[in-house]
């Protein structure tokens, strides 16, 4: 979520010809293929959308236009009541409301003509403010002609002038606050795209310097790829190591700078399409790959967009809204149960009732994952000694009869009640209701590069693996199902997993 990128294509879409350049794809065992197909059968692949209209997608542009309309409505309400106080004969409400509505439409049309709903981040505040004032002035002038040409009872010149001035100030003000919020989020590392620049020559380093000098653009340059090895710490690898660097650095965007062989760029396009990464190059046509591709200027550099991973911003926003609503309601409803369970845990064995376990989440970020304590105090120190008896295949650790688990802990794990406190992690934005399960730090340190792809989204309280193959010991099965979820994500799939998780909880299928 801001976040990781979702795409409707599945791992099975990779053709034999493309497998040579695509990231490793892990297929689930045949025994679980049927269950997975049944769950995803109703998911119709959605058509990939290139952002041909600019930096902002249609949902964001519509949201900006709606905000402008709301602001005009609020200003109109303020002007109406101020005129009602000052004027002996206030304007008729039946006349005033249509005038304000028409004015809101005029403002949106004027702002659209000024390209204000596709504002690039490198546009200056003063430049944008002047554009807003120009759009509002044009809309106000048209309103004046409309009002006094057709007549509007009670609508005075003063009220129209007041409406125009306040609208210009309000629209400029909320855009300034939006910029400050985006800049603040960028400084905290939120909403920032991690960038890999291919080519450490003059152009590549100039691009990196420009992006670094303009943090409001929302890009963090992680390093470079070069054709030849180098001792420069910022050069992360050679061109043939693209897939390894992408996985290890959690890259969101690849910027290709000249000079570079056109055949290499063609291979990079295939890799980007398989991994759903954004790919931009300093322009060249590359044997027709760039025909009809949109060109954007970022930091003063023209960039030809050969492939883009369209993050479904509206869907992710709704997912986050659902997370907040469900987590908040869940915490309120289960609060008495949590208090009771915490008391039982304390009575069963010495130690705190709640246990903050360090976990690895979105893009490798570490966070405290809260649980009801199910093990004896000091259990973590015994984990390495028990590695030889691990019943899970791969980098994760799990034992059915773990001697560190308390009596109450076994019962809590059976019904997954120990994970109830993680609703707080969901509320804080560290986790989602649905997603890959977060793994401990020591398990994460045993990941292979291809395993890192499961960290492209927020970890979840439940997920596709829990409802289809919870008792399968293979980490590869777990990884395959996590990737299937990421690549087939939809709100409908989230809701279906949540409902199926309730059934799993009722059956007590946890370990």
Protein backbone atom coordinates (compact mmCIF):
# COMPACT_ATOMS: atom_id res chain seq x y z
CA UNK A 1 0.00 0.00 0.00
CA UNK A 2 1.99 3.80 -0.19
CA UNK A 3 3.39 1.75 -0.83
CA UNK A 4 4.02 -1.51 -2.69
CA UNK A 5 2.65 -1.83 -6.26
CA UNK A 6 -0.14 -4.16 -7.16
CA UNK A 7 -0.84 -5.61 -10.60
CA UNK A 8 -3.48 -7.97 -11.97
CA UNK A 9 -1.05 -10.22 -13.83
CA UNK A 10 -0.08 -13.48 -12.22
CA UNK A 11 3.17 -15.37 -12.00
CA UNK A 12 1.81 -17.90 -14.50
CA UNK A 13 1.71 -15.17 -17.19
CA UNK A 14 5.49 -15.38 -17.63
CA UNK A 15 6.27 -16.98 -20.98
CA UNK A 16 9.17 -19.40 -21.47
CA UNK A 17 10.92 -16.78 -23.59
CA UNK A 18 10.65 -14.20 -20.82
CA UNK A 19 11.71 -16.44 -17.94
CA UNK A 20 15.34 -15.84 -18.82
CA UNK A 21 15.06 -12.20 -17.82
CA UNK A 22 12.20 -12.29 -15.31
CA UNK A 23 12.59 -12.64 -11.56
CA UNK A 24 12.35 -16.21 -10.27
CA UNK A 25 8.75 -17.36 -10.10
CA UNK A 26 7.77 -19.88 -7.45
CA UNK A 27 4.88 -22.15 -8.36
CA UNK A 28 2.75 -23.61 -5.55
CA UNK A 29 2.53 -27.40 -5.33
CA UNK A 30 -0.20 -29.05 -7.36
CA UNK A 31 -2.07 -29.96 -4.17
CA UNK A 32 -2.74 -26.31 -3.44
CA UNK A 33 -3.20 -25.12 -7.01
CA UNK A 34 -6.89 -26.08 -7.00
CA UNK A 35 -7.62 -24.19 -3.79
CA UNK A 36 -5.84 -21.16 -5.11
CA UNK A 37 -7.62 -21.27 -8.46
CA UNK A 38 -10.98 -21.56 -6.71
CA UNK A 39 -10.29 -18.47 -4.64
CA UNK A 40 -9.07 -16.43 -7.59
CA UNK A 41 -11.45 -17.77 -10.23
CA UNK A 42 -13.75 -14.78 -9.96
CA UNK A 43 -10.92 -12.26 -10.34
CA UNK A 44 -11.00 -10.82 -13.84
CA UNK A 45 -7.62 -9.47 -14.93
CA UNK A 46 -7.67 -5.71 -15.11
CA UNK A 47 -6.11 -3.88 -18.02
CA UNK A 48 -2.82 -2.17 -17.23
CA UNK A 49 -3.06 1.61 -17.47
CA UNK A 50 -0.16 3.78 -18.53
CA UNK A 51 -0.08 7.21 -16.94
CA UNK A 52 -0.30 9.03 -20.19
CA UNK A 53 -1.93 12.08 -18.66
CA UNK A 54 0.80 13.12 -16.26
CA UNK A 55 2.05 12.56 -12.73
CA UNK A 56 -1.42 12.16 -11.22
CA UNK A 57 -3.93 9.48 -12.11
CA UNK A 58 -7.62 10.10 -12.78
CA UNK A 59 -8.80 9.36 -9.20
CA UNK A 60 -6.43 12.00 -7.78
CA UNK A 61 -7.45 14.56 -10.40
CA UNK A 62 -11.13 13.97 -9.64
CA UNK A 63 -10.40 14.27 -5.90
CA UNK A 64 -8.67 17.64 -6.45
CA UNK A 65 -11.62 18.90 -8.50
CA UNK A 66 -14.07 17.78 -5.79
CA UNK A 67 -12.01 19.58 -3.13
CA UNK A 68 -12.10 22.76 -5.23
CA UNK A 69 -15.90 22.47 -5.54
CA UNK A 70 -16.26 21.97 -1.79
CA UNK A 71 -14.06 25.00 -1.12
CA UNK A 72 -16.13 27.15 -3.49
CA UNK A 73 -19.28 25.95 -1.72
CA UNK A 74 -17.87 26.88 1.70
CA UNK A 75 -16.76 30.29 0.47
CA UNK A 76 -20.17 30.84 -1.12
CA UNK A 77 -21.87 29.99 2.19
CA UNK A 78 -19.62 32.44 4.05
CA UNK A 79 -20.31 35.20 1.51
CA UNK A 80 -24.07 34.56 1.68
CA UNK A 81 -24.22 34.93 5.46
CA UNK A 82 -21.94 37.97 5.43
CA UNK A 83 -24.17 39.62 2.84
CA UNK A 84 -27.25 38.69 4.88
CA UNK A 85 -25.79 40.57 7.84
CA UNK A 86 -24.63 43.62 5.87
CA UNK A 87 -27.36 44.03 3.24
CA UNK A 88 -30.86 45.16 4.03
CA UNK A 89 -32.15 42.90 1.29
CA UNK A 90 -30.07 39.69 1.25
CA UNK A 91 -29.88 37.69 -1.98
CA UNK A 92 -32.63 35.16 -2.59
CA UNK A 93 -31.42 31.67 -1.69
CA UNK A 94 -33.13 30.17 -4.74
CA UNK A 95 -31.07 32.48 -6.96
CA UNK A 96 -27.82 32.43 -5.00
CA UNK A 97 -27.34 28.63 -4.87
CA UNK A 98 -27.45 28.12 -8.67
CA UNK A 99 -25.03 31.04 -9.09
CA UNK A 100 -22.53 29.48 -6.66
CA UNK A 101 -22.96 26.08 -8.34
CA UNK A 102 -22.29 27.64 -11.75
CA UNK A 103 -19.26 29.43 -10.30
CA UNK A 104 -17.87 26.14 -8.94
CA UNK A 105 -18.18 24.60 -12.41
CA UNK A 106 -16.45 27.63 -13.96
CA UNK A 107 -13.60 27.39 -11.41
CA UNK A 108 -13.04 23.69 -12.14
CA UNK A 109 -13.04 24.30 -15.90
CA UNK A 110 -10.60 27.21 -15.50
CA UNK A 111 -8.31 25.15 -13.26
CA UNK A 112 -8.42 22.34 -15.81
CA UNK A 113 -7.40 24.76 -18.55
CA UNK A 114 -4.43 25.79 -16.37
CA UNK A 115 -3.45 22.11 -15.88
CA UNK A 116 -3.80 22.51 -12.10
CA UNK A 117 -5.14 18.99 -11.54
CA UNK A 118 -1.96 17.40 -12.89
CA UNK A 119 0.48 19.48 -10.87
CA UNK A 120 4.03 18.09 -11.03
CA UNK A 121 5.91 18.16 -7.75
CA UNK A 122 8.71 20.28 -9.16
CA UNK A 123 6.34 23.16 -9.94
CA UNK A 124 7.06 26.05 -7.59
CA UNK A 125 4.61 27.30 -4.97
CA UNK A 126 4.57 30.84 -6.41
CA UNK A 127 4.03 29.51 -9.94
CA UNK A 128 1.13 27.35 -8.83
CA UNK A 129 -0.43 30.18 -6.79
CA UNK A 130 -0.30 32.52 -9.78
CA UNK A 131 -1.93 29.84 -11.93
CA UNK A 132 -4.72 29.43 -9.35
CA UNK A 133 -5.31 33.19 -9.20
CA UNK A 134 -5.38 33.36 -12.99
CA UNK A 135 -7.94 30.54 -13.16
CA UNK A 136 -10.13 32.07 -10.43
CA UNK A 137 -9.95 35.51 -12.09
CA UNK A 138 -11.10 34.04 -15.38
CA UNK A 139 -13.97 32.18 -13.69
CA UNK A 140 -14.99 35.31 -11.77
CA UNK A 141 -14.97 37.45 -14.92
CA UNK A 142 -17.23 34.96 -16.70
CA UNK A 143 -19.53 34.89 -13.65
CA UNK A 144 -19.78 38.69 -13.68
CA UNK A 145 -20.80 38.64 -17.35
CA UNK A 146 -23.31 35.87 -16.63
CA UNK A 147 -24.86 37.59 -13.59
CA UNK A 148 -25.22 41.03 -15.07
CA UNK A 149 -26.17 39.86 -18.56
CA UNK A 150 -29.08 37.72 -17.37
CA UNK A 151 -29.74 39.42 -14.06
CA UNK A 152 -29.69 37.80 -10.64
CA UNK A 153 -31.79 39.25 -7.86
CA UNK A 154 -29.74 40.32 -4.83
CA UNK A 155 -26.34 39.41 -6.35
CA UNK A 156 -24.21 42.54 -5.99
CA UNK A 157 -20.81 43.46 -7.37
CA UNK A 158 -19.41 43.41 -3.84
CA UNK A 159 -20.61 39.85 -3.25
CA UNK A 160 -19.09 38.64 -6.54
CA UNK A 161 -15.79 40.40 -5.76
CA UNK A 162 -15.76 38.91 -2.24
CA UNK A 163 -16.52 35.48 -3.68
CA UNK A 164 -13.61 35.76 -6.14
CA UNK A 165 -11.06 37.00 -3.59
CA UNK A 166 -11.92 34.39 -0.96
CA UNK A 167 -12.01 31.61 -3.55
CA UNK A 168 -8.55 32.54 -4.84
CA UNK A 169 -7.15 32.61 -1.30
CA UNK A 170 -8.84 29.35 -0.29
CA UNK A 171 -7.80 27.36 -3.36
CA UNK A 172 -4.23 28.62 -3.09
CA UNK A 173 -4.20 27.91 0.64
CA UNK A 174 -5.28 24.27 0.51
CA UNK A 175 -2.80 23.56 -2.27
CA UNK A 176 -0.01 25.08 -0.18
CA UNK A 177 -1.01 22.93 2.81
CA UNK A 178 -1.08 19.87 0.53
CA UNK A 179 2.47 20.63 -0.59
CA UNK A 180 3.64 21.02 3.00
CA UNK A 181 2.03 17.70 3.91
CA UNK A 182 3.65 15.92 0.95
CA UNK A 183 7.03 17.43 1.83
CA UNK A 184 6.63 16.39 5.47
CA UNK A 185 5.73 12.83 4.47
CA UNK A 186 8.68 12.75 2.08
CA UNK A 187 11.09 13.79 4.82
CA UNK A 188 9.75 10.93 6.98
CA UNK A 189 10.30 8.47 4.11
CA UNK A 190 6.57 8.06 3.38
CA UNK A 191 5.41 8.00 -0.23
CA UNK A 192 9.02 7.97 -1.47
CA UNK A 193 9.95 5.89 -4.53
CA UNK A 194 13.29 4.10 -4.32
CA UNK A 195 15.21 4.70 -7.54
CA UNK A 196 17.96 2.78 -9.32
CA UNK A 197 19.83 4.72 -12.02
CA UNK A 198 21.31 2.68 -14.86
CA UNK A 199 24.45 4.44 -16.00
CA UNK A 200 26.85 6.26 -13.68
CA UNK A 201 28.14 8.61 -16.35
CA UNK A 202 27.72 12.36 -16.52
CA UNK A 203 23.99 12.24 -17.24
CA UNK A 204 23.24 9.62 -14.59
CA UNK A 205 25.11 11.45 -11.84
CA UNK A 206 23.56 14.78 -12.82
CA UNK A 207 20.11 13.16 -12.61
CA UNK A 208 20.93 11.70 -9.18
CA UNK A 209 22.12 15.09 -7.95
CA UNK A 210 18.96 16.78 -9.23
CA UNK A 211 16.66 14.24 -7.58
CA UNK A 212 18.62 14.50 -4.32
CA UNK A 213 18.41 18.28 -4.34
CA UNK A 214 14.62 18.19 -4.80
CA UNK A 215 13.18 15.90 -2.07
CA UNK A 216 9.67 17.14 -2.81
CA UNK A 217 9.82 15.11 -6.04
CA UNK A 218 9.48 11.99 -3.90
CA UNK A 219 12.50 10.02 -5.17
CA UNK A 220 15.33 8.44 -3.19
CA UNK A 221 18.32 7.41 -5.30
CA UNK A 222 19.68 4.12 -3.95
CA UNK A 223 22.61 3.79 -6.36
CA UNK A 224 23.73 2.99 -9.88
CA UNK A 225 24.21 0.06 -12.25
CA UNK A 226 27.21 0.18 -14.57
CA UNK A 227 28.53 -1.97 -17.39
CA UNK A 228 31.90 -2.37 -15.67
CA UNK A 229 32.68 -3.15 -12.00
CA UNK A 230 33.84 -0.22 -9.88
CA UNK A 231 35.07 0.51 -6.37
CA UNK A 232 32.53 3.34 -6.07
CA UNK A 233 30.22 2.43 -3.16
CA UNK A 234 27.20 3.90 -4.97
CA UNK A 235 27.57 1.48 -7.90
CA UNK A 236 25.52 -1.50 -6.69
CA UNK A 237 26.36 -3.92 -9.47
CA UNK A 238 26.80 -4.58 -13.17
CA UNK A 239 24.05 -4.52 -15.78
CA UNK A 240 23.63 -8.30 -15.62
CA UNK A 241 22.87 -8.09 -11.88
CA UNK A 242 19.73 -6.02 -12.34
CA UNK A 243 17.31 -8.53 -10.76
CA UNK A 244 19.50 -9.06 -7.68
CA UNK A 245 19.86 -5.32 -7.06
CA UNK A 246 16.13 -4.72 -7.59
CA UNK A 247 15.27 -7.30 -4.92
CA UNK A 248 17.93 -6.35 -2.39
CA UNK A 249 17.28 -2.60 -2.59
CA UNK A 250 13.45 -2.75 -2.84
CA UNK A 251 13.53 -0.64 -6.01
CA UNK A 252 10.30 1.01 -7.18
CA UNK A 253 11.57 2.91 -10.23
CA UNK A 254 14.42 2.34 -12.71
CA UNK A 255 15.87 5.35 -14.54
CA UNK A 256 18.00 4.54 -17.60
CA UNK A 257 20.48 7.16 -18.80
CA UNK A 258 22.59 7.19 -21.98
CA UNK A 259 24.88 5.90 -23.28
CA UNK A 260 23.57 2.35 -23.03
CA UNK A 261 23.10 -0.42 -25.56
CA UNK A 262 19.57 -0.53 -26.94
CA UNK A 263 19.38 -4.33 -26.62
CA UNK A 264 20.06 -4.00 -22.89
CA UNK A 265 17.20 -1.51 -22.60
CA UNK A 266 14.88 -3.96 -24.34
CA UNK A 267 15.78 -6.60 -21.75
CA UNK A 268 15.21 -4.09 -18.94
CA UNK A 269 11.73 -3.36 -20.32
CA UNK A 270 10.86 -7.07 -20.09
CA UNK A 271 12.15 -7.28 -16.52
CA UNK A 272 10.22 -4.16 -15.51
CA UNK A 273 7.00 -5.55 -16.98
CA UNK A 274 7.43 -8.86 -15.19
CA UNK A 275 8.20 -7.24 -11.82
CA UNK A 276 5.68 -4.40 -12.22
CA UNK A 277 8.34 -1.72 -11.78
CA UNK A 278 8.35 1.79 -13.18
CA UNK A 279 10.92 2.21 -15.97
CA UNK A 280 11.90 5.62 -17.36
CA UNK A 281 14.73 6.58 -19.68
CA UNK A 282 16.33 9.77 -20.85
CA UNK A 283 14.76 9.77 -24.33
CA UNK A 284 15.70 7.50 -27.19
CA UNK A 285 13.33 5.51 -29.37
CA UNK A 286 15.07 2.12 -28.96
CA UNK A 287 13.77 0.50 -32.18
CA UNK A 288 10.20 1.68 -31.67
CA UNK A 289 9.77 0.77 -28.00
CA UNK A 290 9.28 4.46 -27.23
CA UNK A 291 6.72 5.20 -29.95
CA UNK A 292 3.71 6.99 -28.45
CA UNK A 293 5.28 6.75 -24.98
CA UNK A 294 4.55 9.87 -22.87
CA UNK A 295 7.43 12.19 -22.01
CA UNK A 296 7.57 13.90 -18.60
CA UNK A 297 10.05 16.35 -17.16
CA UNK A 298 11.30 15.46 -13.68
CA UNK A 299 13.86 17.71 -12.06
CA UNK A 300 14.47 19.38 -15.42
CA UNK A 301 15.26 16.06 -17.16
CA UNK A 302 13.03 14.84 -20.01
CA UNK A 303 12.09 11.22 -19.35
CA UNK A 304 10.50 8.83 -21.82
CA UNK A 305 8.12 6.48 -20.01
CA UNK A 306 8.47 3.00 -21.53
CA UNK A 307 6.71 1.11 -18.78
CA UNK A 308 4.96 2.18 -15.60
CA UNK A 309 3.43 0.28 -12.75
CA UNK A 310 0.15 2.08 -12.05
CA UNK A 311 -0.46 1.92 -8.32
CA UNK A 312 -4.25 1.79 -7.82
CA UNK A 313 -4.27 4.79 -5.53
CA UNK A 314 -8.04 4.81 -5.00
CA UNK A 315 -8.12 1.08 -4.21
CA UNK A 316 -5.19 1.33 -1.81
CA UNK A 317 -6.82 4.30 -0.10
CA UNK A 318 -10.03 2.31 0.36
CA UNK A 319 -8.00 -0.65 1.64
CA UNK A 320 -6.35 1.59 4.23
CA UNK A 321 -9.73 3.05 5.19
CA UNK A 322 -11.13 -0.46 5.69
CA UNK A 323 -8.06 -1.36 7.75
CA UNK A 324 -8.60 1.61 10.05
CA UNK A 325 -12.35 1.01 10.43
CA UNK A 326 -12.03 -2.76 11.03
CA UNK A 327 -9.04 -2.41 13.38
CA UNK A 328 -10.67 0.38 15.42
CA UNK A 329 -13.96 -1.50 15.73
CA UNK A 330 -12.09 -4.72 16.49
CA UNK A 331 -10.11 -3.13 19.30
CA UNK A 332 -13.26 -1.66 20.86
CA UNK A 333 -15.22 -4.91 20.61
CA UNK A 334 -12.40 -7.18 21.81
CA UNK A 335 -11.11 -4.88 24.58
CA UNK A 336 -12.91 -6.79 27.40
CA UNK A 337 -11.69 -10.10 25.94
CA UNK A 338 -8.12 -8.80 25.71
CA UNK A 339 -8.20 -7.73 29.36
CA UNK A 340 -9.47 -11.17 30.39
CA UNK A 341 -6.91 -13.01 28.25
CA UNK A 342 -4.09 -10.81 29.55
CA UNK A 343 -5.06 -11.68 33.13
CA UNK A 344 -5.11 -15.42 32.27
CA UNK A 345 -1.66 -15.17 30.67
CA UNK A 346 -0.26 -13.50 33.78
CA UNK A 347 -1.79 -16.15 36.05
CA UNK A 348 -0.55 -19.03 33.90
CA UNK A 349 3.16 -18.12 33.90
CA UNK A 350 5.38 -15.32 35.21
CA UNK A 351 6.09 -12.44 32.88
CA UNK A 352 4.26 -9.64 31.02
CA UNK A 353 0.93 -10.34 29.32
CA UNK A 354 1.91 -8.65 26.06
CA UNK A 355 5.01 -9.41 24.01
CA UNK A 356 6.50 -6.90 21.49
CA UNK A 357 8.16 -9.08 18.82
CA UNK A 358 10.45 -7.35 16.32
CA UNK A 359 9.28 -8.12 12.80
CA UNK A 360 10.23 -7.12 9.25
CA UNK A 361 7.52 -5.42 7.25
CA UNK A 362 7.01 -3.28 4.17
CA UNK A 363 10.25 -2.72 2.19
CA UNK A 364 12.28 -4.34 4.97
CA UNK A 365 11.22 -1.85 7.67
CA UNK A 366 11.38 -3.18 11.21
CA UNK A 367 8.54 -2.65 13.68
CA UNK A 368 7.25 -3.96 17.01
CA UNK A 369 4.54 -6.53 16.37
CA UNK A 370 2.36 -6.90 19.46
CA UNK A 371 1.10 -10.29 20.66
CA UNK A 372 -0.30 -11.88 23.77
CA UNK A 373 2.62 -13.79 25.28
CA UNK A 374 2.37 -17.51 24.50
CA UNK A 375 5.89 -18.58 25.53
CA UNK A 376 7.90 -18.60 28.71
CA UNK A 377 10.10 -15.57 29.37
CA UNK A 378 13.48 -15.94 27.63
CA UNK A 379 12.14 -18.21 24.89
CA UNK A 380 13.92 -16.25 22.15
CA UNK A 381 17.33 -17.22 23.55
CA UNK A 382 16.48 -20.93 23.08
CA UNK A 383 15.43 -20.59 19.44
CA UNK A 384 18.84 -21.24 17.87
CA UNK A 385 19.29 -24.37 19.98
CA UNK A 386 16.02 -25.72 18.57
CA UNK A 387 16.83 -24.97 14.90
CA UNK A 388 17.74 -28.58 14.26
CA UNK A 389 14.19 -29.65 15.14
CA UNK A 390 12.58 -27.05 12.85
CA UNK A 391 9.52 -28.55 11.11
CA UNK A 392 9.27 -25.86 8.44
CA UNK A 393 11.20 -25.95 5.17
CA UNK A 394 13.02 -22.75 4.29
CA UNK A 395 14.16 -19.72 6.27
CA UNK A 396 11.30 -19.69 8.78
CA UNK A 397 11.03 -21.56 12.09
CA UNK A 398 8.03 -23.48 13.43
CA UNK A 399 7.53 -26.48 15.75
CA UNK A 400 4.23 -28.19 16.45
CA UNK A 401 5.22 -29.19 19.99
CA UNK A 402 7.48 -26.26 20.83
CA UNK A 403 8.66 -26.76 24.45
CA UNK A 404 8.79 -22.99 24.95
CA UNK A 405 5.01 -22.56 24.59
CA UNK A 406 2.92 -22.32 27.76
CA UNK A 407 -0.33 -24.21 28.39
CA UNK A 408 -2.47 -21.13 27.85
CA UNK A 409 -0.25 -20.20 24.91
CA UNK A 410 -1.14 -23.39 23.03
CA UNK A 411 -4.83 -22.63 23.40
CA UNK A 412 -4.33 -19.00 22.31
CA UNK A 413 -2.40 -20.11 19.24
CA UNK A 414 -5.00 -22.70 18.31
CA UNK A 415 -7.62 -19.97 17.85
CA UNK A 416 -5.10 -17.23 16.87
CA UNK A 417 -6.23 -15.13 19.84
CA UNK A 418 -2.61 -14.22 20.59
CA UNK A 419 -2.65 -12.05 17.45
CA UNK A 420 -5.53 -9.81 18.55
CA UNK A 421 -3.18 -7.03 19.77
CA UNK A 422 -1.90 -6.72 16.20
CA UNK A 423 -5.06 -4.77 15.46
CA UNK A 424 -3.09 -1.92 17.04
CA UNK A 425 -0.32 -2.42 14.44
CA UNK A 426 -2.98 -2.26 11.72
CA UNK A 427 -4.39 0.94 13.19
CA UNK A 428 -0.89 2.47 13.27
CA UNK A 429 -0.30 1.61 9.61
CA UNK A 430 2.51 -0.89 10.23
CA UNK A 431 0.33 -3.79 9.10
CA UNK A 432 -2.79 -4.40 7.06
CA UNK A 433 -5.73 -6.69 7.77
CA UNK A 434 -4.71 -8.85 4.78
CA UNK A 435 -1.21 -9.47 3.48
CA UNK A 436 1.85 -11.71 3.89
CA UNK A 437 2.63 -12.58 7.52
CA UNK A 438 5.59 -10.65 9.03
CA UNK A 439 8.67 -12.75 9.81
CA UNK A 440 11.16 -12.36 12.69
CA UNK A 441 14.53 -10.71 12.08
CA UNK A 442 16.51 -13.96 12.25
CA UNK A 443 14.24 -15.58 9.66
CA UNK A 444 14.50 -12.48 7.47
CA UNK A 445 18.31 -12.70 7.60
CA UNK A 446 18.02 -16.14 5.96
CA UNK A 447 16.03 -14.83 2.98
CA UNK A 448 17.27 -15.35 -0.55
CA UNK A 449 16.98 -12.36 -2.95
CA UNK A 450 13.83 -13.81 -4.58
CA UNK A 451 12.15 -14.01 -1.16
CA UNK A 452 12.29 -10.23 -0.73
CA UNK A 453 9.44 -9.70 -3.18
CA UNK A 454 6.93 -10.61 -0.45
CA UNK A 455 7.94 -7.40 1.33
CA UNK A 456 6.62 -5.20 -1.48
CA UNK A 457 3.37 -4.75 0.49
CA UNK A 458 2.47 -4.30 4.15
CA UNK A 459 2.35 -7.50 6.20
CA UNK A 460 -1.11 -8.69 7.16
CA UNK A 461 -3.00 -10.06 10.13
CA UNK A 462 -4.17 -12.81 7.80
CA UNK A 463 -3.45 -13.76 4.22
CA UNK A 464 -3.94 -16.11 1.31
CA UNK A 465 -1.57 -18.70 2.79
CA UNK A 466 -3.56 -18.87 6.05
CA UNK A 467 -6.79 -19.78 4.27
CA UNK A 468 -5.38 -22.20 1.67
CA UNK A 469 -2.23 -23.92 2.96
CA UNK A 470 -1.78 -23.05 6.62
CA UNK A 471 -0.37 -26.47 7.58
CA UNK A 472 1.93 -26.82 4.58
CA UNK A 473 5.53 -26.74 5.94
CA UNK A 474 7.10 -25.44 2.72
CA UNK A 475 8.30 -21.85 2.68
CA UNK A 476 8.18 -21.96 -1.12
CA UNK A 477 4.43 -22.63 -0.96
CA UNK A 478 4.04 -19.72 1.41
CA UNK A 479 6.07 -17.48 -0.88
CA UNK A 480 4.15 -18.53 -3.99
CA UNK A 481 0.81 -17.78 -2.33
CA UNK A 482 2.06 -14.42 -1.05
CA UNK A 483 3.14 -13.46 -4.57
CA UNK A 484 -0.17 -14.65 -6.01
CA UNK A 485 -1.95 -12.37 -3.54
CA UNK A 486 0.26 -9.37 -4.42
CA UNK A 487 -0.13 -9.83 -8.17
CA UNK A 488 -3.90 -10.48 -8.04
CA UNK A 489 -4.78 -7.98 -5.35
CA UNK A 490 -8.28 -6.53 -5.22
CA UNK A 491 -10.63 -5.36 -2.50
CA UNK A 492 -12.90 -8.27 -3.28
CA UNK A 493 -10.04 -10.71 -2.70
CA UNK A 494 -9.25 -9.01 0.64
CA UNK A 495 -12.85 -9.36 1.80
CA UNK A 496 -13.00 -13.00 0.71
CA UNK A 497 -9.81 -13.80 2.63
CA UNK A 498 -11.16 -12.03 5.72
CA UNK A 499 -14.39 -14.05 5.68
CA UNK A 500 -12.51 -17.30 5.13
CA UNK A 501 -10.16 -16.39 7.97
CA UNK A 502 -13.12 -16.14 10.33
CA UNK A 503 -14.03 -19.71 9.39
CA UNK A 504 -10.45 -20.85 10.07
CA UNK A 505 -10.51 -19.15 13.48
CA UNK A 506 -13.78 -20.89 14.34
CA UNK A 507 -12.28 -24.29 13.43
CA UNK A 508 -9.20 -23.60 15.59
CA UNK A 509 -6.75 -24.57 12.88
CA UNK A 510 -3.83 -22.59 14.33
CA UNK A 511 -0.63 -24.07 15.72
